Amino acid sequence: WAANPLLNSSLAKNKYWNKYQDESGRMTAGMQKLARASSASEQLAIVKEMQNVFWEDIPYISFGDTFLTMGVRADIEGAETLFSMPVNVYNAWRSK
């Protein structure tokens, strides 16, 4: 349980991932119920319902449409590429 979803402006209608429209109306109803909930346990139960809405209604989330490209000279040894660190030259050397 982190910050209250009511304080997250990205959860407003038309602000979801890829402008999700909330066609079923379940997320909007959940936000209205959450705004009126008085106890922490009631709020937590509503938030769990809202998480299920994302699981059931959103077919996929486009997450970082990237294509990593890298060029390294043929005589460079030990260089590694990772998604989190595109070019790792620690302990890399140039062969002769």
PDB file of N, CA and C in Angstrom:
ATOM      1  N   TRP A   1       0.852  -1.172   0.000  1.00  0.00           N
ATOM      2  CA  TRP A   1       0.000   0.000   0.000  1.00  0.00           C
ATOM      3  C   TRP A   1       0.889   1.223   0.000  1.00  0.00           C
ATOM      4  N   ALA A   2       0.833   1.976  -1.075  1.00  0.00           N
ATOM      5  CA  ALA A   2       1.675   3.166  -1.206  1.00  0.00           C
ATOM      6  C   ALA A   2       0.785   4.407  -1.180  1.00  0.00           C
ATOM      7  N   ALA A   3       1.052   5.345  -2.046  1.00  0.00           N
ATOM      8  CA  ALA A   3       0.274   6.578  -2.086  1.00  0.00           C
ATOM      9  C   ALA A   3      -1.163   6.303  -2.525  1.00  0.00           C
ATOM     10  N   ASN A   4      -2.052   7.149  -2.087  1.00  0.00           N
ATOM     11  CA  ASN A   4      -3.462   7.027  -2.435  1.00  0.00           C
ATOM     12  C   ASN A   4      -3.641   7.257  -3.938  1.00  0.00           C
ATOM     13  N   PRO A   5      -4.320   6.357  -4.651  1.00  0.00           N
ATOM     14  CA  PRO A   5      -4.506   6.527  -6.096  1.00  0.00           C
ATOM     15  C   PRO A   5      -5.253   7.798  -6.471  1.00  0.00           C
ATOM     16  N   LEU A   6      -6.034   8.362  -5.547  1.00  0.00           N
ATOM     17  CA  LEU A   6      -6.743   9.603  -5.849  1.00  0.00           C
ATOM     18  C   LEU A   6      -5.781  10.762  -6.068  1.00  0.00           C
ATOM     19  N   LEU A   7      -4.579  10.662  -5.519  1.00  0.00           N
ATOM     20  CA  LEU A   7      -3.586  11.726  -5.669  1.00  0.00           C
ATOM     21  C   LEU A   7      -2.760  11.581  -6.940  1.00  0.00           C
ATOM     22  N   ASN A   8      -2.935  10.477  -7.651  1.00  0.00           N
ATOM     23  CA  ASN A   8      -2.162  10.213  -8.863  1.00  0.00           C
ATOM     24  C   ASN A   8      -2.958  10.691 -10.070  1.00  0.00           C
ATOM     25  N   SER A   9      -2.544  11.808 -10.674  1.00  0.00           N
ATOM     26  CA  SER A   9      -3.308  12.375 -11.785  1.00  0.00           C
ATOM     27  C   SER A   9      -3.306  11.477 -13.013  1.00  0.00           C
ATOM     28  N   SER A  10      -2.367  10.550 -13.121  1.00  0.00           N
ATOM     29  CA  SER A  10      -2.342   9.661 -14.288  1.00  0.00           C
ATOM     30  C   SER A  10      -3.479   8.649 -14.246  1.00  0.00           C
ATOM     31  N   LEU A  11      -4.163   8.512 -13.112  1.00  0.00           N
ATOM     32  CA  LEU A  11      -5.287   7.590 -13.014  1.00  0.00           C
ATOM     33  C   LEU A  11      -6.611   8.233 -13.408  1.00  0.00           C
ATOM     34  N   ALA A  12      -6.595   9.521 -13.766  1.00  0.00           N
ATOM     35  CA  ALA A  12      -7.819  10.163 -14.222  1.00  0.00           C
ATOM     36  C   ALA A  12      -8.192   9.626 -15.602  1.00  0.00           C
ATOM     37  N   LYS A  13      -9.464   9.715 -15.937  1.00  0.00           N
ATOM     38  CA  LYS A  13      -9.914   9.206 -17.237  1.00  0.00           C
ATOM     39  C   LYS A  13      -9.153   9.911 -18.353  1.00  0.00           C
ATOM     40  N   ASN A  14      -8.779   9.162 -19.353  1.00  0.00           N
ATOM     41  CA  ASN A  14      -8.010   9.635 -20.507  1.00  0.00           C
ATOM     42  C   ASN A  14      -6.542   9.858 -20.166  1.00  0.00           C
ATOM     43  N   LYS A  15      -6.107   9.483 -19.003  1.00  0.00           N
ATOM     44  CA  LYS A  15      -4.713   9.673 -18.608  1.00  0.00           C
ATOM     45  C   LYS A  15      -4.011   8.354 -18.347  1.00  0.00           C
ATOM     46  N   TYR A  16      -4.688   7.239 -18.594  1.00  0.00           N
ATOM     47  CA  TYR A  16      -4.075   5.942 -18.365  1.00  0.00           C
ATOM     48  C   TYR A  16      -2.987   5.697 -19.395  1.00  0.00           C
ATOM     49  N   TRP A  17      -2.330   4.545 -19.287  1.00  0.00           N
ATOM     50  CA  TRP A  17      -1.364   4.135 -20.298  1.00  0.00           C
ATOM     51  C   TRP A  17      -2.041   4.193 -21.660  1.00  0.00           C
ATOM     52  N   ASN A  18      -1.438   4.863 -22.604  1.00  0.00           N
ATOM     53  CA  ASN A  18      -1.942   4.961 -23.979  1.00  0.00           C
ATOM     54  C   ASN A  18      -3.366   5.495 -24.041  1.00  0.00           C
ATOM     55  N   LYS A  19      -3.684   6.437 -23.167  1.00  0.00           N
ATOM     56  CA  LYS A  19      -5.007   7.079 -23.159  1.00  0.00           C
ATOM     57  C   LYS A  19      -6.145   6.078 -22.988  1.00  0.00           C
ATOM     58  N   TYR A  20      -5.983   5.159 -22.067  1.00  0.00           N
ATOM     59  CA  TYR A  20      -7.010   4.159 -21.762  1.00  0.00           C
ATOM     60  C   TYR A  20      -8.324   4.859 -21.428  1.00  0.00           C
ATOM     61  N   GLN A  21      -9.419   4.394 -22.004  1.00  0.00           N
ATOM     62  CA  GLN A  21     -10.700   5.087 -21.902  1.00  0.00           C
ATOM     63  C   GLN A  21     -11.609   4.598 -20.778  1.00  0.00           C
ATOM     64  N   ASP A  22     -11.293   3.512 -20.111  1.00  0.00           N
ATOM     65  CA  ASP A  22     -12.155   2.951 -19.066  1.00  0.00           C
ATOM     66  C   ASP A  22     -13.549   2.671 -19.617  1.00  0.00           C
ATOM     67  N   GLU A  23     -13.593   1.885 -20.681  1.00  0.00           N
ATOM     68  CA  GLU A  23     -14.860   1.599 -21.362  1.00  0.00           C
ATOM     69  C   GLU A  23     -15.862   0.880 -20.464  1.00  0.00           C
ATOM     70  N   SER A  24     -15.386   0.064 -19.554  1.00  0.00           N
ATOM     71  CA  SER A  24     -16.309  -0.651 -18.666  1.00  0.00           C
ATOM     72  C   SER A  24     -16.841   0.245 -17.550  1.00  0.00           C
ATOM     73  N   GLY A  25     -16.155   1.341 -17.258  1.00  0.00           N
ATOM     74  CA  GLY A  25     -16.561   2.238 -16.179  1.00  0.00           C
ATOM     75  C   GLY A  25     -16.169   1.748 -14.800  1.00  0.00           C
ATOM     76  N   ARG A  26     -15.504   0.601 -14.733  1.00  0.00           N
ATOM     77  CA  ARG A  26     -15.152   0.012 -13.436  1.00  0.00           C
ATOM     78  C   ARG A  26     -14.096   0.827 -12.698  1.00  0.00           C
ATOM     79  N   MET A  27     -13.126   1.392 -13.426  1.00  0.00           N
ATOM     80  CA  MET A  27     -12.090   2.178 -12.752  1.00  0.00           C
ATOM     81  C   MET A  27     -12.674   3.484 -12.219  1.00  0.00           C
ATOM     82  N   THR A  28     -13.525   4.129 -12.999  1.00  0.00           N
ATOM     83  CA  THR A  28     -14.166   5.363 -12.540  1.00  0.00           C
ATOM     84  C   THR A  28     -15.024   5.092 -11.310  1.00  0.00           C
ATOM     85  N   ALA A  29     -15.766   3.990 -11.320  1.00  0.00           N
ATOM     86  CA  ALA A  29     -16.580   3.623 -10.155  1.00  0.00           C
ATOM     87  C   ALA A  29     -15.693   3.342  -8.947  1.00  0.00           C
ATOM     88  N   GLY A  30     -14.563   2.694  -9.173  1.00  0.00           N
ATOM     89  CA  GLY A  30     -13.631   2.428  -8.082  1.00  0.00           C
ATOM     90  C   GLY A  30     -13.068   3.705  -7.490  1.00  0.00           C
ATOM     91  N   MET A  31     -12.748   4.680  -8.348  1.00  0.00           N
ATOM     92  CA  MET A  31     -12.233   5.961  -7.854  1.00  0.00           C
ATOM     93  C   MET A  31     -13.297   6.679  -7.017  1.00  0.00           C
ATOM     94  N   GLN A  32     -14.554   6.599  -7.447  1.00  0.00           N
ATOM     95  CA  GLN A  32     -15.632   7.238  -6.683  1.00  0.00           C
ATOM     96  C   GLN A  32     -15.824   6.552  -5.330  1.00  0.00           C
ATOM     97  N   LYS A  33     -15.776   5.225  -5.316  1.00  0.00           N
ATOM     98  CA  LYS A  33     -15.897   4.497  -4.043  1.00  0.00           C
ATOM     99  C   LYS A  33     -14.712   4.803  -3.133  1.00  0.00           C
ATOM    100  N   LEU A  34     -13.522   4.888  -3.723  1.00  0.00           N
ATOM    101  CA  LEU A  34     -12.320   5.160  -2.933  1.00  0.00           C
ATOM    102  C   LEU A  34     -12.389   6.547  -2.295  1.00  0.00           C
ATOM    103  N   ALA A  35     -12.942   7.512  -3.014  1.00  0.00           N
ATOM    104  CA  ALA A  35     -13.049   8.874  -2.480  1.00  0.00           C
ATOM    105  C   ALA A  35     -13.974   8.932  -1.267  1.00  0.00           C
ATOM    106  N   ARG A  36     -14.898   7.983  -1.172  1.00  0.00           N
ATOM    107  CA  ARG A  36     -15.859   7.984  -0.067  1.00  0.00           C
ATOM    108  C   ARG A  36     -15.510   6.999   1.049  1.00  0.00           C
ATOM    109  N   ALA A  37     -14.507   6.174   0.837  1.00  0.00           N
ATOM    110  CA  ALA A  37     -14.123   5.181   1.851  1.00  0.00           C
ATOM    111  C   ALA A  37     -13.502   5.885   3.051  1.00  0.00           C
ATOM    112  N   SER A  38     -13.852   5.417   4.235  1.00  0.00           N
ATOM    113  CA  SER A  38     -13.385   6.100   5.446  1.00  0.00           C
ATOM    114  C   SER A  38     -12.282   5.352   6.188  1.00  0.00           C
ATOM    115  N   SER A  39     -12.220   4.042   6.065  1.00  0.00           N
ATOM    116  CA  SER A  39     -11.203   3.303   6.813  1.00  0.00           C
ATOM    117  C   SER A  39     -10.096   2.820   5.874  1.00  0.00           C
ATOM    118  N   ALA A  40      -8.928   2.615   6.441  1.00  0.00           N
ATOM    119  CA  ALA A  40      -7.788   2.150   5.645  1.00  0.00           C
ATOM    120  C   ALA A  40      -8.040   0.761   5.072  1.00  0.00           C
ATOM    121  N   SER A  41      -8.695  -0.101   5.830  1.00  0.00           N
ATOM    122  CA  SER A  41      -8.960  -1.454   5.332  1.00  0.00           C
ATOM    123  C   SER A  41      -9.950  -1.425   4.166  1.00  0.00           C
ATOM    124  N   GLU A  42     -10.934  -0.547   4.237  1.00  0.00           N
ATOM    125  CA  GLU A  42     -11.896  -0.403   3.140  1.00  0.00           C
ATOM    126  C   GLU A  42     -11.197   0.156   1.895  1.00  0.00           C
ATOM    127  N   GLN A  43     -10.317   1.141   2.088  1.00  0.00           N
ATOM    128  CA  GLN A  43      -9.567   1.711   0.971  1.00  0.00           C
ATOM    129  C   GLN A  43      -8.678   0.664   0.316  1.00  0.00           C
ATOM    130  N   LEU A  44      -8.024  -0.144   1.125  1.00  0.00           N
ATOM    131  CA  LEU A  44      -7.143  -1.178   0.582  1.00  0.00           C
ATOM    132  C   LEU A  44      -7.927  -2.187  -0.249  1.00  0.00           C
ATOM    133  N   ALA A  45      -9.098  -2.577   0.211  1.00  0.00           N
ATOM    134  CA  ALA A  45      -9.929  -3.524  -0.545  1.00  0.00           C
ATOM    135  C   ALA A  45     -10.349  -2.925  -1.886  1.00  0.00           C
ATOM    136  N   ILE A  46     -10.680  -1.642  -1.898  1.00  0.00           N
ATOM    137  CA  ILE A  46     -11.083  -0.985  -3.143  1.00  0.00           C
ATOM    138  C   ILE A  46      -9.901  -0.881  -4.098  1.00  0.00           C
ATOM    139  N   VAL A  47      -8.729  -0.547  -3.577  1.00  0.00           N
ATOM    140  CA  VAL A  47      -7.535  -0.451  -4.428  1.00  0.00           C
ATOM    141  C   VAL A  47      -7.207  -1.804  -5.043  1.00  0.00           C
ATOM    142  N   LYS A  48      -7.372  -2.873  -4.291  1.00  0.00           N
ATOM    143  CA  LYS A  48      -7.132  -4.209  -4.848  1.00  0.00           C
ATOM    144  C   LYS A  48      -8.109  -4.511  -5.978  1.00  0.00           C
ATOM    145  N   GLU A  49      -9.365  -4.084  -5.836  1.00  0.00           N
ATOM    146  CA  GLU A  49     -10.337  -4.240  -6.926  1.00  0.00           C
ATOM    147  C   GLU A  49      -9.890  -3.446  -8.155  1.00  0.00           C
ATOM    148  N   MET A  50      -9.383  -2.234  -7.923  1.00  0.00           N
ATOM    149  CA  MET A  50      -8.936  -1.382  -9.028  1.00  0.00           C
ATOM    150  C   MET A  50      -7.736  -2.003  -9.738  1.00  0.00           C
ATOM    151  N   GLN A  51      -6.848  -2.655  -9.002  1.00  0.00           N
ATOM    152  CA  GLN A  51      -5.717  -3.333  -9.632  1.00  0.00           C
ATOM    153  C   GLN A  51      -6.198  -4.468 -10.526  1.00  0.00           C
ATOM    154  N   ASN A  52      -7.261  -5.153 -10.116  1.00  0.00           N
ATOM    155  CA  ASN A  52      -7.837  -6.205 -10.958  1.00  0.00           C
ATOM    156  C   ASN A  52      -8.407  -5.637 -12.245  1.00  0.00           C
ATOM    157  N   VAL A  53      -8.935  -4.422 -12.191  1.00  0.00           N
ATOM    158  CA  VAL A  53      -9.454  -3.789 -13.410  1.00  0.00           C
ATOM    159  C   VAL A  53      -8.328  -3.640 -14.424  1.00  0.00           C
ATOM    160  N   PHE A  54      -7.180  -3.179 -13.990  1.00  0.00           N
ATOM    161  CA  PHE A  54      -6.046  -3.058 -14.909  1.00  0.00           C
ATOM    162  C   PHE A  54      -5.664  -4.421 -15.464  1.00  0.00           C
ATOM    163  N   TRP A  55      -5.659  -5.424 -14.628  1.00  0.00           N
ATOM    164  CA  TRP A  55      -5.268  -6.769 -15.058  1.00  0.00           C
ATOM    165  C   TRP A  55      -6.231  -7.313 -16.100  1.00  0.00           C
ATOM    166  N   GLU A  56      -7.525  -7.039 -15.931  1.00  0.00           N
ATOM    167  CA  GLU A  56      -8.548  -7.607 -16.810  1.00  0.00           C
ATOM    168  C   GLU A  56      -8.840  -6.743 -18.034  1.00  0.00           C
ATOM    169  N   ASP A  57      -8.805  -5.422 -17.899  1.00  0.00           N
ATOM    170  CA  ASP A  57      -9.242  -4.543 -18.984  1.00  0.00           C
ATOM    171  C   ASP A  57      -8.146  -4.152 -19.964  1.00  0.00           C
ATOM    172  N   ILE A  58      -6.929  -4.017 -19.502  1.00  0.00           N
ATOM    173  CA  ILE A  58      -5.863  -3.556 -20.397  1.00  0.00           C
ATOM    174  C   ILE A  58      -5.208  -4.761 -21.050  1.00  0.00           C
ATOM    175  N   PRO A  59      -5.293  -4.881 -22.389  1.00  0.00           N
ATOM    176  CA  PRO A  59      -4.733  -6.055 -23.053  1.00  0.00           C
ATOM    177  C   PRO A  59      -3.207  -6.100 -22.984  1.00  0.00           C
ATOM    178  N   TYR A  60      -2.557  -4.972 -23.072  1.00  0.00           N
ATOM    179  CA  TYR A  60      -1.106  -4.901 -22.942  1.00  0.00           C
ATOM    180  C   TYR A  60      -0.730  -3.466 -22.615  1.00  0.00           C
ATOM    181  N   ILE A  61       0.439  -3.305 -22.080  1.00  0.00           N
ATOM    182  CA  ILE A  61       0.959  -1.971 -21.801  1.00  0.00           C
ATOM    183  C   ILE A  61       2.217  -1.800 -22.629  1.00  0.00           C
ATOM    184  N   SER A  62       2.188  -0.824 -23.495  1.00  0.00           N
ATOM    185  CA  SER A  62       3.369  -0.525 -24.292  1.00  0.00           C
ATOM    186  C   SER A  62       4.417   0.055 -23.349  1.00  0.00           C
ATOM    187  N   PHE A  63       5.503  -0.631 -23.205  1.00  0.00           N
ATOM    188  CA  PHE A  63       6.477  -0.254 -22.187  1.00  0.00           C
ATOM    189  C   PHE A  63       7.844  -0.093 -22.830  1.00  0.00           C
ATOM    190  N   GLY A  64       8.184   1.114 -23.200  1.00  0.00           N
ATOM    191  CA  GLY A  64       9.513   1.389 -23.727  1.00  0.00           C
ATOM    192  C   GLY A  64       9.749   0.824 -25.110  1.00  0.00           C
ATOM    193  N   ASP A  65       9.120   1.415 -26.103  1.00  0.00           N
ATOM    194  CA  ASP A  65       9.349   0.977 -27.476  1.00  0.00           C
ATOM    195  C   ASP A  65      10.728   1.461 -27.914  1.00  0.00           C
ATOM    196  N   THR A  66      11.729   0.683 -27.595  1.00  0.00           N
ATOM    197  CA  THR A  66      13.094   1.074 -27.937  1.00  0.00           C
ATOM    198  C   THR A  66      13.792  -0.050 -28.673  1.00  0.00           C
ATOM    199  N   PHE A  67      14.788   0.335 -29.405  1.00  0.00           N
ATOM    200  CA  PHE A  67      15.639  -0.630 -30.080  1.00  0.00           C
ATOM    201  C   PHE A  67      17.066  -0.220 -29.783  1.00  0.00           C
ATOM    202  N   LEU A  68      17.773  -1.046 -29.088  1.00  0.00           N
ATOM    203  CA  LEU A  68      19.128  -0.729 -28.668  1.00  0.00           C
ATOM    204  C   LEU A  68      20.106  -1.063 -29.782  1.00  0.00           C
ATOM    205  N   THR A  69      20.835  -0.079 -30.208  1.00  0.00           N
ATOM    206  CA  THR A  69      21.881  -0.310 -31.207  1.00  0.00           C
ATOM    207  C   THR A  69      23.212   0.096 -30.604  1.00  0.00           C
ATOM    208  N   MET A  70      24.244  -0.595 -31.001  1.00  0.00           N
ATOM    209  CA  MET A  70      25.575  -0.284 -30.490  1.00  0.00           C
ATOM    210  C   MET A  70      26.615  -0.770 -31.473  1.00  0.00           C
ATOM    211  N   GLY A  71      27.627   0.002 -31.631  1.00  0.00           N
ATOM    212  CA  GLY A  71      28.736  -0.413 -32.469  1.00  0.00           C
ATOM    213  C   GLY A  71      30.026  -0.392 -31.658  1.00  0.00           C
ATOM    214  N   VAL A  72      30.824  -1.420 -31.798  1.00  0.00           N
ATOM    215  CA  VAL A  72      32.101  -1.521 -31.089  1.00  0.00           C
ATOM    216  C   VAL A  72      33.154  -1.947 -32.097  1.00  0.00           C
ATOM    217  N   ARG A  73      34.314  -1.354 -32.008  1.00  0.00           N
ATOM    218  CA  ARG A  73      35.401  -1.755 -32.900  1.00  0.00           C
ATOM    219  C   ARG A  73      35.705  -3.232 -32.721  1.00  0.00           C
ATOM    220  N   ALA A  74      36.155  -3.851 -33.771  1.00  0.00           N
ATOM    221  CA  ALA A  74      36.431  -5.291 -33.746  1.00  0.00           C
ATOM    222  C   ALA A  74      37.564  -5.644 -32.791  1.00  0.00           C
ATOM    223  N   ASP A  75      38.454  -4.707 -32.524  1.00  0.00           N
ATOM    224  CA  ASP A  75      39.592  -5.029 -31.661  1.00  0.00           C
ATOM    225  C   ASP A  75      39.341  -4.683 -30.183  1.00  0.00           C
ATOM    226  N   ILE A  76      38.122  -4.351 -29.813  1.00  0.00           N
ATOM    227  CA  ILE A  76      37.785  -4.086 -28.410  1.00  0.00           C
ATOM    228  C   ILE A  76      37.335  -5.390 -27.760  1.00  0.00           C
ATOM    229  N   GLU A  77      37.969  -5.734 -26.665  1.00  0.00           N
ATOM    230  CA  GLU A  77      37.657  -6.964 -25.935  1.00  0.00           C
ATOM    231  C   GLU A  77      37.030  -6.608 -24.588  1.00  0.00           C
ATOM    232  N   GLY A  78      36.114  -7.429 -24.124  1.00  0.00           N
ATOM    233  CA  GLY A  78      35.552  -7.293 -22.785  1.00  0.00           C
ATOM    234  C   GLY A  78      34.402  -6.313 -22.648  1.00  0.00           C
ATOM    235  N   ALA A  79      34.048  -5.583 -23.695  1.00  0.00           N
ATOM    236  CA  ALA A  79      32.922  -4.654 -23.604  1.00  0.00           C
ATOM    237  C   ALA A  79      31.618  -5.444 -23.629  1.00  0.00           C
ATOM    238  N   GLU A  80      30.697  -5.087 -22.750  1.00  0.00           N
ATOM    239  CA  GLU A  80      29.410  -5.772 -22.681  1.00  0.00           C
ATOM    240  C   GLU A  80      28.291  -4.764 -22.883  1.00  0.00           C
ATOM    241  N   THR A  81      27.178  -5.237 -23.409  1.00  0.00           N
ATOM    242  CA  THR A  81      26.006  -4.381 -23.557  1.00  0.00           C
ATOM    243  C   THR A  81      24.873  -4.973 -22.739  1.00  0.00           C
ATOM    244  N   LEU A  82      24.235  -4.116 -21.994  1.00  0.00           N
ATOM    245  CA  LEU A  82      23.067  -4.488 -21.201  1.00  0.00           C
ATOM    246  C   LEU A  82      21.985  -3.450 -21.455  1.00  0.00           C
ATOM    247  N   PHE A  83      20.722  -3.832 -21.286  1.00  0.00           N
ATOM    248  CA  PHE A  83      19.655  -2.856 -21.479  1.00  0.00           C
ATOM    249  C   PHE A  83      19.754  -1.736 -20.451  1.00  0.00           C
ATOM    250  N   SER A  84      20.124  -2.067 -19.217  1.00  0.00           N
ATOM    251  CA  SER A  84      20.213  -1.050 -18.173  1.00  0.00           C
ATOM    252  C   SER A  84      21.426  -0.147 -18.344  1.00  0.00           C
ATOM    253  N   MET A  85      22.478  -0.655 -18.968  1.00  0.00           N
ATOM    254  CA  MET A  85      23.677   0.134 -19.216  1.00  0.00           C
ATOM    255  C   MET A  85      24.139  -0.184 -20.639  1.00  0.00           C
ATOM    256  N   PRO A  86      23.771   0.653 -21.605  1.00  0.00           N
ATOM    257  CA  PRO A  86      24.034   0.323 -23.004  1.00  0.00           C
ATOM    258  C   PRO A  86      25.493  -0.004 -23.315  1.00  0.00           C
ATOM    259  N   VAL A  87      26.433   0.739 -22.759  1.00  0.00           N
ATOM    260  CA  VAL A  87      27.840   0.471 -23.054  1.00  0.00           C
ATOM    261  C   VAL A  87      28.598   0.351 -21.741  1.00  0.00           C
ATOM    262  N   ASN A  88      29.100  -0.825 -21.453  1.00  0.00           N
ATOM    263  CA  ASN A  88      29.890  -1.046 -20.251  1.00  0.00           C
ATOM    264  C   ASN A  88      31.332  -1.255 -20.690  1.00  0.00           C
ATOM    265  N   VAL A  89      32.161  -0.268 -20.439  1.00  0.00           N
ATOM    266  CA  VAL A  89      33.561  -0.376 -20.856  1.00  0.00           C
ATOM    267  C   VAL A  89      34.486  -0.634 -19.676  1.00  0.00           C
ATOM    268  N   TYR A  90      33.928  -0.906 -18.506  1.00  0.00           N
ATOM    269  CA  TYR A  90      34.757  -1.253 -17.362  1.00  0.00           C
ATOM    270  C   TYR A  90      35.429  -2.585 -17.659  1.00  0.00           C
ATOM    271  N   ASN A  91      36.705  -2.663 -17.457  1.00  0.00           N
ATOM    272  CA  ASN A  91      37.489  -3.866 -17.700  1.00  0.00           C
ATOM    273  C   ASN A  91      37.462  -4.275 -19.177  1.00  0.00           C
ATOM    274  N   ALA A  92      37.374  -3.283 -20.052  1.00  0.00           N
ATOM    275  CA  ALA A  92      37.467  -3.544 -21.492  1.00  0.00           C
ATOM    276  C   ALA A  92      38.843  -3.085 -21.958  1.00  0.00           C
ATOM    277  N   TRP A  93      39.332  -3.702 -23.003  1.00  0.00           N
ATOM    278  CA  TRP A  93      40.651  -3.361 -23.505  1.00  0.00           C
ATOM    279  C   TRP A  93      40.684  -3.508 -25.016  1.00  0.00           C
ATOM    280  N   ARG A  94      41.698  -2.909 -25.597  1.00  0.00           N
ATOM    281  CA  ARG A  94      41.893  -2.981 -27.042  1.00  0.00           C
ATOM    282  C   ARG A  94      42.976  -4.003 -27.329  1.00  0.00           C
ATOM    283  N   SER A  95      42.600  -5.021 -28.069  1.00  0.00           N
ATOM    284  CA  SER A  95      43.586  -6.054 -28.402  1.00  0.00           C
ATOM    285  C   SER A  95      44.499  -5.547 -29.509  1.00  0.00           C
ATOM    286  N   LYS A  96      45.688  -6.153 -29.597  1.00  0.00           N
ATOM    287  CA  LYS A  96      46.659  -5.707 -30.610  1.00  0.00           C
ATOM    288  C   LYS A  96      46.632  -6.560 -31.830  1.00  0.00           C
TER     289      LYS A  96
END
